[in-house]
Structure formats: structure tokens, C-alpha cells
Amino acid sequence: MKKLLTLTALGLVFASCSSNEMASNSHALAERNVASVNTPICAVEQHSRNKSWYRVSIAGKPHNEHWYGKKQVMRIKNNYVQKGKCQ
């Protein structure tokens, strides 16, 4: 009788582990996150009057009201890209 109960218990354990649903923290669900299409795009805008001034806009909105030189604006853009705030 003991053997029958043990085998039944083991059978239930294996049956419950073999269900189609996976736990949300399962290693089988682990995957590398890739930048999605929803990430806004960083763009460098050029000032309309002074062609040597630039600023970064994210999804069409300037990140601030200041204008910068080409090197500075590229550093700002690269920082945003590295932080994953835009593409």
C-alpha cells in the first residue's frame, strides 16, 4: 500500500510539472531584450538662422531649449542612445 501511495504521489508530481503552462520566472522564458520599435528616435536639428547651432530632439520634441555645437550635440545624442532613451 505504501508503494502505491508513493508511486501515485510521484506520478502527480511529474504530471503537474509537465503541464503546458510555464511559470513566469522560468528559465525557459528568459530571453535577451532587444530594442523595440517603440523606442523614440533621436534626431539632430539645425538652427534655422545660425547653421552652426544644433539640438537633439526626441520623438519630435527638443530635449531642452538650448542650442549646442556639433560635437556637444553628438555627445548628448550618444548618451541618450547608450541609456536606451532613444535610437
Protein backbone atom coordinates (compact mmCIF):
# COMPACT_ATOMS: atom_id res chain seq x y z
CA MET A 1 0.00 0.00 0.00
CA LYS A 2 2.86 2.36 0.85
CA LYS A 3 4.44 1.73 -2.53
CA LEU A 4 1.17 2.51 -4.28
CA LEU A 5 0.81 5.84 -2.44
CA THR A 6 4.43 6.75 -3.18
CA LEU A 7 4.06 5.94 -6.87
CA THR A 8 0.81 7.91 -7.03
CA ALA A 9 2.41 10.91 -5.35
CA LEU A 10 5.38 10.78 -7.73
CA GLY A 11 3.03 10.46 -10.67
CA LEU A 12 1.13 13.57 -9.56
CA VAL A 13 4.37 15.50 -9.15
CA PHE A 14 5.54 14.59 -12.64
CA ALA A 15 2.11 15.28 -14.12
CA SER A 16 1.94 18.73 -12.53
CA CYS A 17 5.44 19.61 -13.72
CA SER A 18 4.68 18.57 -17.28
CA SER A 19 1.75 20.93 -17.81
CA ASN A 20 1.76 23.32 -20.78
CA GLU A 21 1.86 26.44 -18.63
CA MET A 22 5.25 27.75 -17.56
CA ALA A 23 5.96 29.82 -14.51
CA SER A 24 6.60 33.47 -15.22
CA ASN A 25 10.07 33.24 -13.68
CA SER A 26 11.02 30.11 -15.60
CA HIS A 27 14.46 29.98 -17.18
CA ALA A 28 12.76 28.81 -20.36
CA LEU A 29 11.21 32.27 -20.70
CA ALA A 30 14.47 34.12 -20.25
CA GLU A 31 15.45 35.93 -23.41
CA ARG A 32 17.55 38.88 -24.34
CA ASN A 33 15.70 42.16 -24.63
CA VAL A 34 16.18 43.84 -27.97
CA ALA A 35 15.42 47.49 -28.65
CA SER A 36 11.83 47.67 -29.69
CA VAL A 37 10.21 49.70 -32.42
CA ASN A 38 8.52 51.80 -29.73
CA THR A 39 11.80 53.44 -28.72
CA PRO A 40 11.66 57.08 -29.85
CA ILE A 41 14.14 58.27 -32.44
CA CYS A 42 16.80 60.86 -31.60
CA ALA A 43 17.27 63.48 -34.27
CA VAL A 44 19.73 66.34 -34.54
CA GLU A 45 18.07 69.61 -35.55
CA GLN A 46 19.93 72.51 -37.10
CA HIS A 47 19.04 76.07 -36.11
CA SER A 48 17.13 77.93 -38.82
CA ARG A 49 19.26 81.10 -38.67
CA ASN A 50 22.65 80.02 -37.36
CA LYS A 51 23.68 76.85 -39.21
CA SER A 52 26.42 76.02 -36.67
CA TRP A 53 23.92 75.50 -33.80
CA TYR A 54 22.23 72.17 -33.19
CA ARG A 55 19.99 70.48 -30.66
CA VAL A 56 18.70 66.97 -30.02
CA SER A 57 15.03 66.23 -30.39
CA ILE A 58 13.47 63.02 -29.11
CA ALA A 59 10.31 61.91 -30.91
CA GLY A 60 10.00 65.37 -32.47
CA LYS A 61 10.30 67.29 -29.18
CA PRO A 62 13.52 69.10 -28.24
CA HIS A 63 15.17 67.70 -25.11
CA ASN A 64 15.69 71.30 -23.92
CA GLU A 65 15.66 74.86 -25.24
CA HIS A 66 19.43 75.27 -25.60
CA TRP A 67 21.43 75.02 -28.82
CA TYR A 68 24.90 73.43 -28.97
CA GLY A 69 27.88 72.97 -31.26
CA LYS A 70 28.12 69.84 -33.42
CA LYS A 71 30.47 67.92 -31.05
CA GLN A 72 28.38 68.64 -27.97
CA VAL A 73 25.10 67.71 -29.60
CA MET A 74 26.54 64.42 -30.85
CA ARG A 75 27.75 63.60 -27.30
CA ILE A 76 24.27 64.35 -25.94
CA LYS A 77 22.66 62.17 -28.60
CA ASN A 78 25.09 59.30 -27.98
CA ASN A 79 24.42 59.48 -24.22
CA TYR A 80 20.68 59.14 -24.83
CA VAL A 81 21.25 56.22 -27.17
CA GLN A 82 23.53 54.44 -24.67
CA LYS A 83 20.97 54.91 -21.91
CA GLY A 84 18.30 53.40 -24.17
CA LYS A 85 16.11 56.51 -24.17
CA CYS A 86 16.13 56.68 -27.96
CA GLN A 87 17.60 55.07 -31.07
